[in-house]
């Protein structure tokens, strides 16, 4: 759940032209990415691996030219992605394009 203070901070940042990255969809659902875009007005998404399971959200990311900041190694180290989850979500992004 997003707190009022966080929402206000991101809204003010957007008004001031401060660029915004939100870490979302790393270990939570793809809807975290949607909330980051719609509520926090994110310009970049940190990780976002969950969108590999939601082609519609992935299409939106591509259509709106949202930068995905991904580090496959970090996702394995933090346990956000299992080493047994093959292929890694970053590789699956390519399959959503075609």
PDB file of N, CA and C in Angstrom:
ATOM      1  N   UNK A   1       0.844  -1.179   0.000  1.00  0.00           N
ATOM      2  CA  UNK A   1       0.000   0.000   0.000  1.00  0.00           C
ATOM      3  C   UNK A   1       0.885   1.236   0.000  1.00  0.00           C
ATOM      4  N   UNK A   2       0.520   2.190  -0.807  1.00  0.00           N
ATOM      5  CA  UNK A   2       1.294   3.419  -0.901  1.00  0.00           C
ATOM      6  C   UNK A   2       0.805   4.421   0.138  1.00  0.00           C
ATOM      7  N   UNK A   3       1.737   4.978   0.902  1.00  0.00           N
ATOM      8  CA  UNK A   3       1.385   5.974   1.897  1.00  0.00           C
ATOM      9  C   UNK A   3       1.154   7.336   1.262  1.00  0.00           C
ATOM     10  N   UNK A   4       0.355   8.142   1.928  1.00  0.00           N
ATOM     11  CA  UNK A   4       0.045   9.486   1.429  1.00  0.00           C
ATOM     12  C   UNK A   4       1.301  10.332   1.251  1.00  0.00           C
ATOM     13  N   UNK A   5       2.252  10.182   2.173  1.00  0.00           N
ATOM     14  CA  UNK A   5       3.491  10.958   2.084  1.00  0.00           C
ATOM     15  C   UNK A   5       4.280  10.596   0.839  1.00  0.00           C
ATOM     16  N   UNK A   6       4.360   9.310   0.530  1.00  0.00           N
ATOM     17  CA  UNK A   6       5.095   8.867  -0.654  1.00  0.00           C
ATOM     18  C   UNK A   6       4.427   9.398  -1.916  1.00  0.00           C
ATOM     19  N   UNK A   7       3.119   9.306  -1.984  1.00  0.00           N
ATOM     20  CA  UNK A   7       2.390   9.792  -3.153  1.00  0.00           C
ATOM     21  C   UNK A   7       2.606  11.295  -3.319  1.00  0.00           C
ATOM     22  N   UNK A   8       2.519  12.043  -2.227  1.00  0.00           N
ATOM     23  CA  UNK A   8       2.724  13.491  -2.282  1.00  0.00           C
ATOM     24  C   UNK A   8       4.149  13.831  -2.718  1.00  0.00           C
ATOM     25  N   UNK A   9       5.111  13.091  -2.220  1.00  0.00           N
ATOM     26  CA  UNK A   9       6.506  13.328  -2.580  1.00  0.00           C
ATOM     27  C   UNK A   9       6.736  13.102  -4.075  1.00  0.00           C
ATOM     28  N   UNK A  10       6.203  12.011  -4.598  1.00  0.00           N
ATOM     29  CA  UNK A  10       6.379  11.736  -6.027  1.00  0.00           C
ATOM     30  C   UNK A  10       5.617  12.744  -6.876  1.00  0.00           C
ATOM     31  N   UNK A  11       4.437  13.165  -6.429  1.00  0.00           N
ATOM     32  CA  UNK A  11       3.661  14.168  -7.167  1.00  0.00           C
ATOM     33  C   UNK A  11       4.444  15.482  -7.232  1.00  0.00           C
ATOM     34  N   UNK A  12       4.995  15.910  -6.113  1.00  0.00           N
ATOM     35  CA  UNK A  12       5.772  17.147  -6.072  1.00  0.00           C
ATOM     36  C   UNK A  12       7.021  17.019  -6.943  1.00  0.00           C
ATOM     37  N   UNK A  13       7.669  15.872  -6.901  1.00  0.00           N
ATOM     38  CA  UNK A  13       8.849  15.645  -7.736  1.00  0.00           C
ATOM     39  C   UNK A  13       8.496  15.786  -9.210  1.00  0.00           C
ATOM     40  N   UNK A  14       7.358  15.226  -9.607  1.00  0.00           N
ATOM     41  CA  UNK A  14       6.927  15.333 -11.004  1.00  0.00           C
ATOM     42  C   UNK A  14       6.671  16.791 -11.374  1.00  0.00           C
ATOM     43  N   UNK A  15       6.013  17.529 -10.478  1.00  0.00           N
ATOM     44  CA  UNK A  15       5.738  18.951 -10.728  1.00  0.00           C
ATOM     45  C   UNK A  15       7.030  19.745 -10.909  1.00  0.00           C
ATOM     46  N   UNK A  16       8.067  19.366 -10.166  1.00  0.00           N
ATOM     47  CA  UNK A  16       9.348  20.076 -10.231  1.00  0.00           C
ATOM     48  C   UNK A  16      10.254  19.577 -11.360  1.00  0.00           C
ATOM     49  N   UNK A  17       9.779  18.572 -12.085  1.00  0.00           N
ATOM     50  CA  UNK A  17      10.575  18.034 -13.187  1.00  0.00           C
ATOM     51  C   UNK A  17      11.697  17.113 -12.740  1.00  0.00           C
ATOM     52  N   UNK A  18      11.602  16.605 -11.524  1.00  0.00           N
ATOM     53  CA  UNK A  18      12.602  15.673 -11.008  1.00  0.00           C
ATOM     54  C   UNK A  18      12.260  14.280 -11.540  1.00  0.00           C
ATOM     55  N   UNK A  19      13.224  13.631 -12.146  1.00  0.00           N
ATOM     56  CA  UNK A  19      12.998  12.303 -12.707  1.00  0.00           C
ATOM     57  C   UNK A  19      12.769  11.282 -11.596  1.00  0.00           C
ATOM     58  N   UNK A  20      11.912  10.283 -11.903  1.00  0.00           N
ATOM     59  CA  UNK A  20      11.480   9.346 -10.875  1.00  0.00           C
ATOM     60  C   UNK A  20      11.647   7.894 -11.311  1.00  0.00           C
ATOM     61  N   UNK A  21      12.331   7.125 -10.476  1.00  0.00           N
ATOM     62  CA  UNK A  21      12.458   5.675 -10.644  1.00  0.00           C
ATOM     63  C   UNK A  21      11.772   5.019  -9.457  1.00  0.00           C
ATOM     64  N   UNK A  22      10.966   4.018  -9.737  1.00  0.00           N
ATOM     65  CA  UNK A  22      10.279   3.282  -8.678  1.00  0.00           C
ATOM     66  C   UNK A  22      10.628   1.809  -8.837  1.00  0.00           C
ATOM     67  N   UNK A  23      11.086   1.204  -7.761  1.00  0.00           N
ATOM     68  CA  UNK A  23      11.330  -0.235  -7.763  1.00  0.00           C
ATOM     69  C   UNK A  23       9.983  -0.916  -7.553  1.00  0.00           C
ATOM     70  N   UNK A  24       9.576  -1.699  -8.548  1.00  0.00           N
ATOM     71  CA  UNK A  24       8.264  -2.352  -8.491  1.00  0.00           C
ATOM     72  C   UNK A  24       8.299  -3.619  -9.325  1.00  0.00           C
ATOM     73  N   UNK A  25       7.532  -4.600  -8.912  1.00  0.00           N
ATOM     74  CA  UNK A  25       7.418  -5.823  -9.678  1.00  0.00           C
ATOM     75  C   UNK A  25       8.653  -6.704  -9.631  1.00  0.00           C
ATOM     76  N   UNK A  26       9.513  -6.456  -8.656  1.00  0.00           N
ATOM     77  CA  UNK A  26      10.696  -7.318  -8.525  1.00  0.00           C
ATOM     78  C   UNK A  26      10.293  -8.636  -7.885  1.00  0.00           C
ATOM     79  N   UNK A  27       9.640  -8.539  -6.752  1.00  0.00           N
ATOM     80  CA  UNK A  27       9.186  -9.760  -6.089  1.00  0.00           C
ATOM     81  C   UNK A  27       7.673  -9.731  -5.861  1.00  0.00           C
ATOM     82  N   UNK A  28       7.029  -8.633  -6.209  1.00  0.00           N
ATOM     83  CA  UNK A  28       5.581  -8.517  -6.061  1.00  0.00           C
ATOM     84  C   UNK A  28       4.890  -8.647  -7.411  1.00  0.00           C
ATOM     85  N   UNK A  29       3.595  -8.440  -7.438  1.00  0.00           N
ATOM     86  CA  UNK A  29       2.822  -8.618  -8.669  1.00  0.00           C
ATOM     87  C   UNK A  29       3.057  -7.497  -9.698  1.00  0.00           C
ATOM     88  N   UNK A  30       2.659  -7.791 -10.914  1.00  0.00           N
ATOM     89  CA  UNK A  30       2.802  -6.823 -12.001  1.00  0.00           C
ATOM     90  C   UNK A  30       2.011  -5.539 -11.739  1.00  0.00           C
ATOM     91  N   UNK A  31       0.939  -5.639 -10.951  1.00  0.00           N
ATOM     92  CA  UNK A  31       0.144  -4.442 -10.647  1.00  0.00           C
ATOM     93  C   UNK A  31       0.953  -3.404  -9.884  1.00  0.00           C
ATOM     94  N   UNK A  32       2.019  -3.816  -9.203  1.00  0.00           N
ATOM     95  CA  UNK A  32       2.906  -2.832  -8.564  1.00  0.00           C
ATOM     96  C   UNK A  32       3.478  -1.886  -9.614  1.00  0.00           C
ATOM     97  N   UNK A  33       3.770  -2.403 -10.777  1.00  0.00           N
ATOM     98  CA  UNK A  33       4.320  -1.587 -11.857  1.00  0.00           C
ATOM     99  C   UNK A  33       3.263  -0.598 -12.334  1.00  0.00           C
ATOM    100  N   UNK A  34       2.041  -1.062 -12.486  1.00  0.00           N
ATOM    101  CA  UNK A  34       0.944  -0.181 -12.896  1.00  0.00           C
ATOM    102  C   UNK A  34       0.760   0.932 -11.875  1.00  0.00           C
ATOM    103  N   UNK A  35       0.779   0.597 -10.586  1.00  0.00           N
ATOM    104  CA  UNK A  35       0.640   1.620  -9.540  1.00  0.00           C
ATOM    105  C   UNK A  35       1.794   2.611  -9.583  1.00  0.00           C
ATOM    106  N   UNK A  36       3.000   2.113  -9.845  1.00  0.00           N
ATOM    107  CA  UNK A  36       4.163   3.000  -9.934  1.00  0.00           C
ATOM    108  C   UNK A  36       3.986   3.994 -11.073  1.00  0.00           C
ATOM    109  N   UNK A  37       3.422   3.533 -12.179  1.00  0.00           N
ATOM    110  CA  UNK A  37       3.202   4.416 -13.322  1.00  0.00           C
ATOM    111  C   UNK A  37       2.050   5.385 -13.091  1.00  0.00           C
ATOM    112  N   UNK A  38       0.919   4.854 -12.636  1.00  0.00           N
ATOM    113  CA  UNK A  38      -0.302   5.659 -12.531  1.00  0.00           C
ATOM    114  C   UNK A  38      -0.344   6.561 -11.302  1.00  0.00           C
ATOM    115  N   UNK A  39       0.121   6.056 -10.180  1.00  0.00           N
ATOM    116  CA  UNK A  39       0.009   6.822  -8.939  1.00  0.00           C
ATOM    117  C   UNK A  39       1.272   7.634  -8.671  1.00  0.00           C
ATOM    118  N   UNK A  40       2.433   7.008  -8.872  1.00  0.00           N
ATOM    119  CA  UNK A  40       3.694   7.693  -8.567  1.00  0.00           C
ATOM    120  C   UNK A  40       4.320   8.368  -9.783  1.00  0.00           C
ATOM    121  N   UNK A  41       3.706   8.187 -10.939  1.00  0.00           N
ATOM    122  CA  UNK A  41       4.173   8.824 -12.180  1.00  0.00           C
ATOM    123  C   UNK A  41       5.636   8.470 -12.480  1.00  0.00           C
ATOM    124  N   UNK A  42       5.974   7.195 -12.302  1.00  0.00           N
ATOM    125  CA  UNK A  42       7.340   6.730 -12.548  1.00  0.00           C
ATOM    126  C   UNK A  42       7.706   6.876 -14.022  1.00  0.00           C
ATOM    127  N   UNK A  43       8.946   7.252 -14.248  1.00  0.00           N
ATOM    128  CA  UNK A  43       9.487   7.318 -15.605  1.00  0.00           C
ATOM    129  C   UNK A  43      10.358   6.094 -15.888  1.00  0.00           C
ATOM    130  N   UNK A  44      10.864   5.500 -14.823  1.00  0.00           N
ATOM    131  CA  UNK A  44      11.692   4.298 -14.899  1.00  0.00           C
ATOM    132  C   UNK A  44      11.187   3.313 -13.863  1.00  0.00           C
ATOM    133  N   UNK A  45      11.299   2.046 -14.199  1.00  0.00           N
ATOM    134  CA  UNK A  45      10.914   0.999 -13.264  1.00  0.00           C
ATOM    135  C   UNK A  45      12.157   0.195 -12.917  1.00  0.00           C
ATOM    136  N   UNK A  46      12.435   0.120 -11.618  1.00  0.00           N
ATOM    137  CA  UNK A  46      13.526  -0.714 -11.149  1.00  0.00           C
ATOM    138  C   UNK A  46      13.037  -2.149 -11.064  1.00  0.00           C
ATOM    139  N   UNK A  47      13.621  -2.997 -11.854  1.00  0.00           N
ATOM    140  CA  UNK A  47      13.351  -4.431 -11.903  1.00  0.00           C
ATOM    141  C   UNK A  47      12.120  -4.734 -12.755  1.00  0.00           C
ATOM    142  N   UNK A  48      10.943  -4.792 -12.207  1.00  0.00           N
ATOM    143  CA  UNK A  48       9.727  -5.012 -12.989  1.00  0.00           C
ATOM    144  C   UNK A  48       9.574  -6.405 -13.562  1.00  0.00           C
ATOM    145  N   UNK A  49      10.287  -7.380 -13.028  1.00  0.00           N
ATOM    146  CA  UNK A  49      10.289  -8.721 -13.608  1.00  0.00           C
ATOM    147  C   UNK A  49       8.898  -9.334 -13.721  1.00  0.00           C
ATOM    148  N   UNK A  50       7.983  -8.976 -12.841  1.00  0.00           N
ATOM    149  CA  UNK A  50       6.642  -9.567 -12.845  1.00  0.00           C
ATOM    150  C   UNK A  50       5.886  -9.278 -14.127  1.00  0.00           C
ATOM    151  N   UNK A  51       6.262  -8.235 -14.847  1.00  0.00           N
ATOM    152  CA  UNK A  51       5.533  -7.939 -16.081  1.00  0.00           C
ATOM    153  C   UNK A  51       5.807  -8.966 -17.170  1.00  0.00           C
ATOM    154  N   UNK A  52       6.808  -9.823 -16.972  1.00  0.00           N
ATOM    155  CA  UNK A  52       7.058 -10.904 -17.933  1.00  0.00           C
ATOM    156  C   UNK A  52       5.877 -11.868 -17.969  1.00  0.00           C
ATOM    157  N   UNK A  53       5.052 -11.830 -16.936  1.00  0.00           N
ATOM    158  CA  UNK A  53       3.872 -12.700 -16.877  1.00  0.00           C
ATOM    159  C   UNK A  53       2.598 -11.971 -17.290  1.00  0.00           C
ATOM    160  N   UNK A  54       2.718 -10.695 -17.672  1.00  0.00           N
ATOM    161  CA  UNK A  54       1.543  -9.911 -18.048  1.00  0.00           C
ATOM    162  C   UNK A  54       1.829  -9.145 -19.341  1.00  0.00           C
ATOM    163  N   UNK A  55       1.533  -9.747 -20.487  1.00  0.00           N
ATOM    164  CA  UNK A  55       1.853  -9.113 -21.774  1.00  0.00           C
ATOM    165  C   UNK A  55       1.245  -7.727 -21.963  1.00  0.00           C
ATOM    166  N   UNK A  56       0.073  -7.489 -21.393  1.00  0.00           N
ATOM    167  CA  UNK A  56      -0.565  -6.177 -21.575  1.00  0.00           C
ATOM    168  C   UNK A  56       0.220  -5.073 -20.868  1.00  0.00           C
ATOM    169  N   UNK A  57       0.671  -5.354 -19.668  1.00  0.00           N
ATOM    170  CA  UNK A  57       1.477  -4.351 -18.959  1.00  0.00           C
ATOM    171  C   UNK A  57       2.807  -4.162 -19.673  1.00  0.00           C
ATOM    172  N   UNK A  58       3.386  -5.242 -20.147  1.00  0.00           N
ATOM    173  CA  UNK A  58       4.645  -5.126 -20.887  1.00  0.00           C
ATOM    174  C   UNK A  58       4.453  -4.272 -22.146  1.00  0.00           C
ATOM    175  N   UNK A  59       3.344  -4.469 -22.852  1.00  0.00           N
ATOM    176  CA  UNK A  59       3.059  -3.650 -24.045  1.00  0.00           C
ATOM    177  C   UNK A  59       2.962  -2.178 -23.664  1.00  0.00           C
ATOM    178  N   UNK A  60       2.329  -1.907 -22.536  1.00  0.00           N
ATOM    179  CA  UNK A  60       2.219  -0.513 -22.085  1.00  0.00           C
ATOM    180  C   UNK A  60       3.599   0.075 -21.810  1.00  0.00           C
ATOM    181  N   UNK A  61       4.465  -0.695 -21.141  1.00  0.00           N
ATOM    182  CA  UNK A  61       5.824  -0.238 -20.843  1.00  0.00           C
ATOM    183  C   UNK A  61       6.546   0.137 -22.140  1.00  0.00           C
ATOM    184  N   UNK A  62       6.426  -0.711 -23.128  1.00  0.00           N
ATOM    185  CA  UNK A  62       7.086  -0.457 -24.415  1.00  0.00           C
ATOM    186  C   UNK A  62       6.463   0.748 -25.114  1.00  0.00           C
ATOM    187  N   UNK A  63       5.132   0.810 -25.131  1.00  0.00           N
ATOM    188  CA  UNK A  63       4.432   1.904 -25.815  1.00  0.00           C
ATOM    189  C   UNK A  63       4.771   3.268 -25.207  1.00  0.00           C
ATOM    190  N   UNK A  64       4.893   3.304 -23.887  1.00  0.00           N
ATOM    191  CA  UNK A  64       5.179   4.567 -23.201  1.00  0.00           C
ATOM    192  C   UNK A  64       6.678   4.819 -23.037  1.00  0.00           C
ATOM    193  N   UNK A  65       7.498   3.935 -23.601  1.00  0.00           N
ATOM    194  CA  UNK A  65       8.962   4.076 -23.556  1.00  0.00           C
ATOM    195  C   UNK A  65       9.471   4.194 -22.121  1.00  0.00           C
ATOM    196  N   UNK A  66       8.933   3.340 -21.252  1.00  0.00           N
ATOM    197  CA  UNK A  66       9.366   3.312 -19.856  1.00  0.00           C
ATOM    198  C   UNK A  66      10.641   2.482 -19.771  1.00  0.00           C
ATOM    199  N   UNK A  67      11.658   3.052 -19.181  1.00  0.00           N
ATOM    200  CA  UNK A  67      12.941   2.362 -19.028  1.00  0.00           C
ATOM    201  C   UNK A  67      12.832   1.318 -17.922  1.00  0.00           C
ATOM    202  N   UNK A  68      13.256   0.089 -18.218  1.00  0.00           N
ATOM    203  CA  UNK A  68      13.327  -0.962 -17.204  1.00  0.00           C
ATOM    204  C   UNK A  68      14.776  -1.086 -16.752  1.00  0.00           C
ATOM    205  N   UNK A  69      14.988  -0.863 -15.496  1.00  0.00           N
ATOM    206  CA  UNK A  69      16.329  -0.959 -14.901  1.00  0.00           C
ATOM    207  C   UNK A  69      16.442  -2.355 -14.299  1.00  0.00           C
ATOM    208  N   UNK A  70      17.167  -3.235 -14.980  1.00  0.00           N
ATOM    209  CA  UNK A  70      17.227  -4.636 -14.576  1.00  0.00           C
ATOM    210  C   UNK A  70      18.653  -5.069 -14.284  1.00  0.00           C
ATOM    211  N   UNK A  71      18.789  -5.889 -13.267  1.00  0.00           N
ATOM    212  CA  UNK A  71      20.074  -6.501 -12.955  1.00  0.00           C
ATOM    213  C   UNK A  71      19.801  -7.969 -12.626  1.00  0.00           C
ATOM    214  N   UNK A  72      19.919  -8.846 -13.637  1.00  0.00           N
ATOM    215  CA  UNK A  72      19.627 -10.261 -13.391  1.00  0.00           C
ATOM    216  C   UNK A  72      20.437 -10.859 -12.242  1.00  0.00           C
ATOM    217  N   UNK A  73      21.678 -10.474 -12.105  1.00  0.00           N
ATOM    218  CA  UNK A  73      22.503 -11.015 -11.028  1.00  0.00           C
ATOM    219  C   UNK A  73      21.935 -10.612  -9.667  1.00  0.00           C
ATOM    220  N   UNK A  74      21.592  -9.347  -9.514  1.00  0.00           N
ATOM    221  CA  UNK A  74      21.018  -8.860  -8.262  1.00  0.00           C
ATOM    222  C   UNK A  74      19.723  -9.591  -7.943  1.00  0.00           C
ATOM    223  N   UNK A  75      18.907  -9.837  -8.952  1.00  0.00           N
ATOM    224  CA  UNK A  75      17.627 -10.507  -8.710  1.00  0.00           C
ATOM    225  C   UNK A  75      17.839 -11.918  -8.182  1.00  0.00           C
ATOM    226  N   UNK A  76      18.922 -12.559  -8.607  1.00  0.00           N
ATOM    227  CA  UNK A  76      19.245 -13.888  -8.084  1.00  0.00           C
ATOM    228  C   UNK A  76      19.783 -13.793  -6.656  1.00  0.00           C
ATOM    229  N   UNK A  77      20.642 -12.805  -6.406  1.00  0.00           N
ATOM    230  CA  UNK A  77      21.232 -12.647  -5.074  1.00  0.00           C
ATOM    231  C   UNK A  77      20.189 -12.305  -4.015  1.00  0.00           C
ATOM    232  N   UNK A  78      19.205 -11.484  -4.388  1.00  0.00           N
ATOM    233  CA  UNK A  78      18.172 -11.088  -3.424  1.00  0.00           C
ATOM    234  C   UNK A  78      17.073 -12.128  -3.284  1.00  0.00           C
ATOM    235  N   UNK A  79      17.037 -13.101  -4.183  1.00  0.00           N
ATOM    236  CA  UNK A  79      15.995 -14.119  -4.157  1.00  0.00           C
ATOM    237  C   UNK A  79      14.709 -13.692  -4.836  1.00  0.00           C
ATOM    238  N   UNK A  80      14.707 -12.531  -5.483  1.00  0.00           N
ATOM    239  CA  UNK A  80      13.512 -12.075  -6.197  1.00  0.00           C
ATOM    240  C   UNK A  80      13.186 -13.012  -7.358  1.00  0.00           C
ATOM    241  N   UNK A  81      14.223 -13.593  -7.936  1.00  0.00           N
ATOM    242  CA  UNK A  81      14.052 -14.569  -9.006  1.00  0.00           C
ATOM    243  C   UNK A  81      14.824 -15.823  -8.597  1.00  0.00           C
ATOM    244  N   UNK A  82      14.170 -16.941  -8.683  1.00  0.00           N
ATOM    245  CA  UNK A  82      14.803 -18.209  -8.330  1.00  0.00           C
ATOM    246  C   UNK A  82      15.817 -18.609  -9.407  1.00  0.00           C
ATOM    247  N   UNK A  83      16.937 -19.177  -9.006  1.00  0.00           N
ATOM    248  CA  UNK A  83      17.889 -19.655 -10.012  1.00  0.00           C
ATOM    249  C   UNK A  83      17.298 -20.789 -10.852  1.00  0.00           C
ATOM    250  N   UNK A  84      16.196 -21.354 -10.400  1.00  0.00           N
ATOM    251  CA  UNK A  84      15.539 -22.426 -11.143  1.00  0.00           C
ATOM    252  C   UNK A  84      14.457 -21.898 -12.083  1.00  0.00           C
ATOM    253  N   UNK A  85      14.205 -20.580 -12.019  1.00  0.00           N
ATOM    254  CA  UNK A  85      13.221 -19.961 -12.906  1.00  0.00           C
ATOM    255  C   UNK A  85      13.909 -19.665 -14.234  1.00  0.00           C
ATOM    256  N   UNK A  86      13.714 -20.573 -15.161  1.00  0.00           N
ATOM    257  CA  UNK A  86      14.374 -20.437 -16.458  1.00  0.00           C
ATOM    258  C   UNK A  86      13.337 -20.354 -17.562  1.00  0.00           C
ATOM    259  N   UNK A  87      13.533 -19.518 -18.547  1.00  0.00           N
ATOM    260  CA  UNK A  87      14.580 -18.507 -18.549  1.00  0.00           C
ATOM    261  C   UNK A  87      14.248 -17.371 -17.585  1.00  0.00           C
ATOM    262  N   UNK A  88      15.261 -16.593 -17.253  1.00  0.00           N
ATOM    263  CA  UNK A  88      15.101 -15.428 -16.379  1.00  0.00           C
ATOM    264  C   UNK A  88      14.064 -14.482 -17.001  1.00  0.00           C
ATOM    265  N   UNK A  89      13.279 -13.771 -16.198  1.00  0.00           N
ATOM    266  CA  UNK A  89      12.281 -12.850 -16.746  1.00  0.00           C
ATOM    267  C   UNK A  89      12.829 -11.873 -17.786  1.00  0.00           C
ATOM    268  N   UNK A  90      14.056 -11.425 -17.643  1.00  0.00           N
ATOM    269  CA  UNK A  90      14.620 -10.486 -18.627  1.00  0.00           C
ATOM    270  C   UNK A  90      14.647 -11.127 -20.011  1.00  0.00           C
ATOM    271  N   UNK A  91      14.961 -12.389 -20.067  1.00  0.00           N
ATOM    272  CA  UNK A  91      14.990 -13.098 -21.347  1.00  0.00           C
ATOM    273  C   UNK A  91      13.570 -13.253 -21.888  1.00  0.00           C
ATOM    274  N   UNK A  92      12.610 -13.459 -20.997  1.00  0.00           N
ATOM    275  CA  UNK A  92      11.213 -13.607 -21.440  1.00  0.00           C
ATOM    276  C   UNK A  92      10.649 -12.304 -21.993  1.00  0.00           C
ATOM    277  N   UNK A  93      11.185 -11.151 -21.606  1.00  0.00           N
ATOM    278  CA  UNK A  93      10.708  -9.888 -22.170  1.00  0.00           C
ATOM    279  C   UNK A  93      10.770  -9.939 -23.697  1.00  0.00           C
ATOM    280  N   UNK A  94      11.833 -10.509 -24.228  1.00  0.00           N
ATOM    281  CA  UNK A  94      11.992 -10.582 -25.680  1.00  0.00           C
ATOM    282  C   UNK A  94      10.863 -11.367 -26.325  1.00  0.00           C
ATOM    283  N   UNK A  95      10.388 -12.421 -25.663  1.00  0.00           N
ATOM    284  CA  UNK A  95       9.325 -13.245 -26.221  1.00  0.00           C
ATOM    285  C   UNK A  95       7.991 -12.485 -26.256  1.00  0.00           C
ATOM    286  N   UNK A  96       7.848 -11.485 -25.410  1.00  0.00           N
ATOM    287  CA  UNK A  96       6.614 -10.700 -25.386  1.00  0.00           C
ATOM    288  C   UNK A  96       6.547  -9.726 -26.562  1.00  0.00           C
ATOM    289  N   UNK A  97       7.696  -9.436 -27.154  1.00  0.00           N
ATOM    290  CA  UNK A  97       7.748  -8.506 -28.284  1.00  0.00           C
ATOM    291  C   UNK A  97       7.264  -9.196 -29.551  1.00  0.00           C
ATOM    292  N   UNK A  98       7.616 -10.437 -29.698  1.00  0.00           N
ATOM    293  CA  UNK A  98       7.380 -11.154 -30.959  1.00  0.00           C
ATOM    294  C   UNK A  98       6.110 -11.936 -30.968  1.00  0.00           C
TER     295      UNK A  98
END
